[in-house]
Amino acid sequence: MGAVIAYKNIQFFLRMLLYIILGIIVLCVRAHNKKKTRKRIDKRTEYMMKHTKKDRNGKYPWEY
């Protein structure tokens, strides 16, 4: 009986350890991709602002 309980506790511990490790990996990958996406959006915004024509008041079309 004690061996069954010990086996189940070890199994539970290993499963929880696996979930924690996978969770940490997922969070790291998401943070890395978030930084890459932010940089890409900033570059595209800069390009768009540079290539959008302003009116005679120096305003962009969406600034009215």
C-alpha atoms as a PDB file:
ATOM      1  CA  MET A   1       0.000   0.000   0.000  1.00  0.00           C
ATOM      2  CA  GLY A   2       2.797   2.418   0.898  1.00  0.00           C
ATOM      3  CA  ALA A   3       4.573   1.696  -2.397  1.00  0.00           C
ATOM      4  CA  VAL A   4       1.451   2.617  -4.373  1.00  0.00           C
ATOM      5  CA  ILE A   5       1.102   5.939  -2.507  1.00  0.00           C
ATOM      6  CA  ALA A   6       4.812   6.700  -2.957  1.00  0.00           C
ATOM      7  CA  TYR A   7       4.593   5.853  -6.670  1.00  0.00           C
ATOM      8  CA  LYS A   8       1.576   8.125  -7.134  1.00  0.00           C
ATOM      9  CA  ASN A   9       3.325  10.994  -5.304  1.00  0.00           C
ATOM     10  CA  ILE A  10       6.422  10.628  -7.455  1.00  0.00           C
ATOM     11  CA  GLN A  11       4.271  10.469 -10.588  1.00  0.00           C
ATOM     12  CA  PHE A  12       2.383  13.610  -9.524  1.00  0.00           C
ATOM     13  CA  PHE A  13       5.651  15.417  -8.749  1.00  0.00           C
ATOM     14  CA  LEU A  14       7.152  14.540 -12.131  1.00  0.00           C
ATOM     15  CA  ARG A  15       3.998  15.602 -13.960  1.00  0.00           C
ATOM     16  CA  MET A  16       3.866  18.940 -12.131  1.00  0.00           C
ATOM     17  CA  LEU A  17       7.570  19.521 -12.783  1.00  0.00           C
ATOM     18  CA  LEU A  18       6.985  18.901 -16.496  1.00  0.00           C
ATOM     19  CA  TYR A  19       4.058  21.369 -16.564  1.00  0.00           C
ATOM     20  CA  ILE A  20       6.114  24.038 -14.790  1.00  0.00           C
ATOM     21  CA  ILE A  21       9.067  23.633 -17.156  1.00  0.00           C
ATOM     22  CA  LEU A  22       6.821  23.759 -20.228  1.00  0.00           C
ATOM     23  CA  GLY A  23       5.036  26.833 -18.832  1.00  0.00           C
ATOM     24  CA  ILE A  24       8.323  28.669 -18.322  1.00  0.00           C
ATOM     25  CA  ILE A  25       9.447  27.815 -21.858  1.00  0.00           C
ATOM     26  CA  VAL A  26       6.141  29.056 -23.306  1.00  0.00           C
ATOM     27  CA  LEU A  27       6.399  32.343 -21.378  1.00  0.00           C
ATOM     28  CA  CYS A  28       9.968  32.903 -22.587  1.00  0.00           C
ATOM     29  CA  VAL A  29       9.047  32.244 -26.225  1.00  0.00           C
ATOM     30  CA  ARG A  30       6.038  34.587 -25.990  1.00  0.00           C
ATOM     31  CA  ALA A  31       8.153  37.383 -24.489  1.00  0.00           C
ATOM     32  CA  HIS A  32      10.774  36.964 -27.233  1.00  0.00           C
ATOM     33  CA  ASN A  33       8.151  37.073 -30.002  1.00  0.00           C
ATOM     34  CA  LYS A  34       6.481  40.092 -28.419  1.00  0.00           C
ATOM     35  CA  LYS A  35       9.736  42.060 -28.645  1.00  0.00           C
ATOM     36  CA  LYS A  36      10.239  41.028 -32.289  1.00  0.00           C
ATOM     37  CA  THR A  37       6.679  42.014 -33.182  1.00  0.00           C
ATOM     38  CA  ARG A  38       7.012  45.384 -31.447  1.00  0.00           C
ATOM     39  CA  LYS A  39      10.208  46.162 -33.391  1.00  0.00           C
ATOM     40  CA  ARG A  40       8.568  45.182 -36.675  1.00  0.00           C
ATOM     41  CA  ILE A  41       5.509  47.348 -35.981  1.00  0.00           C
ATOM     42  CA  ASP A  42       7.720  50.312 -35.067  1.00  0.00           C
ATOM     43  CA  LYS A  43       9.719  49.956 -38.310  1.00  0.00           C
ATOM     44  CA  ARG A  44       6.574  49.767 -40.432  1.00  0.00           C
ATOM     45  CA  THR A  45       5.023  52.742 -38.661  1.00  0.00           C
ATOM     46  CA  GLU A  46       8.156  54.799 -39.241  1.00  0.00           C
ATOM     47  CA  TYR A  47       8.137  53.834 -42.938  1.00  0.00           C
ATOM     48  CA  MET A  48       4.441  54.699 -43.260  1.00  0.00           C
ATOM     49  CA  MET A  49       4.861  58.103 -41.585  1.00  0.00           C
ATOM     50  CA  LYS A  50       7.808  58.891 -43.847  1.00  0.00           C
ATOM     51  CA  HIS A  51       5.908  57.991 -47.041  1.00  0.00           C
ATOM     52  CA  THR A  52       2.499  59.517 -46.245  1.00  0.00           C
ATOM     53  CA  LYS A  53       1.789  62.909 -47.731  1.00  0.00           C
ATOM     54  CA  LYS A  54       0.809  65.780 -45.429  1.00  0.00           C
ATOM     55  CA  ASP A  55      -1.603  68.553 -46.301  1.00  0.00           C
ATOM     56  CA  ARG A  56      -0.645  72.215 -46.465  1.00  0.00           C
ATOM     57  CA  ASN A  57      -1.043  72.572 -42.668  1.00  0.00           C
ATOM     58  CA  GLY A  58       1.511  69.834 -42.109  1.00  0.00           C
ATOM     59  CA  LYS A  59      -1.069  67.317 -40.857  1.00  0.00           C
ATOM     60  CA  TYR A  60      -1.561  63.701 -41.830  1.00  0.00           C
ATOM     61  CA  PRO A  61      -4.924  62.670 -43.338  1.00  0.00           C
ATOM     62  CA  TRP A  62      -6.058  60.996 -40.091  1.00  0.00           C
ATOM     63  CA  GLU A  63      -5.330  64.038 -37.877  1.00  0.00           C
ATOM     64  CA  TYR A  64      -8.574  65.904 -38.525  1.00  0.00           C
END
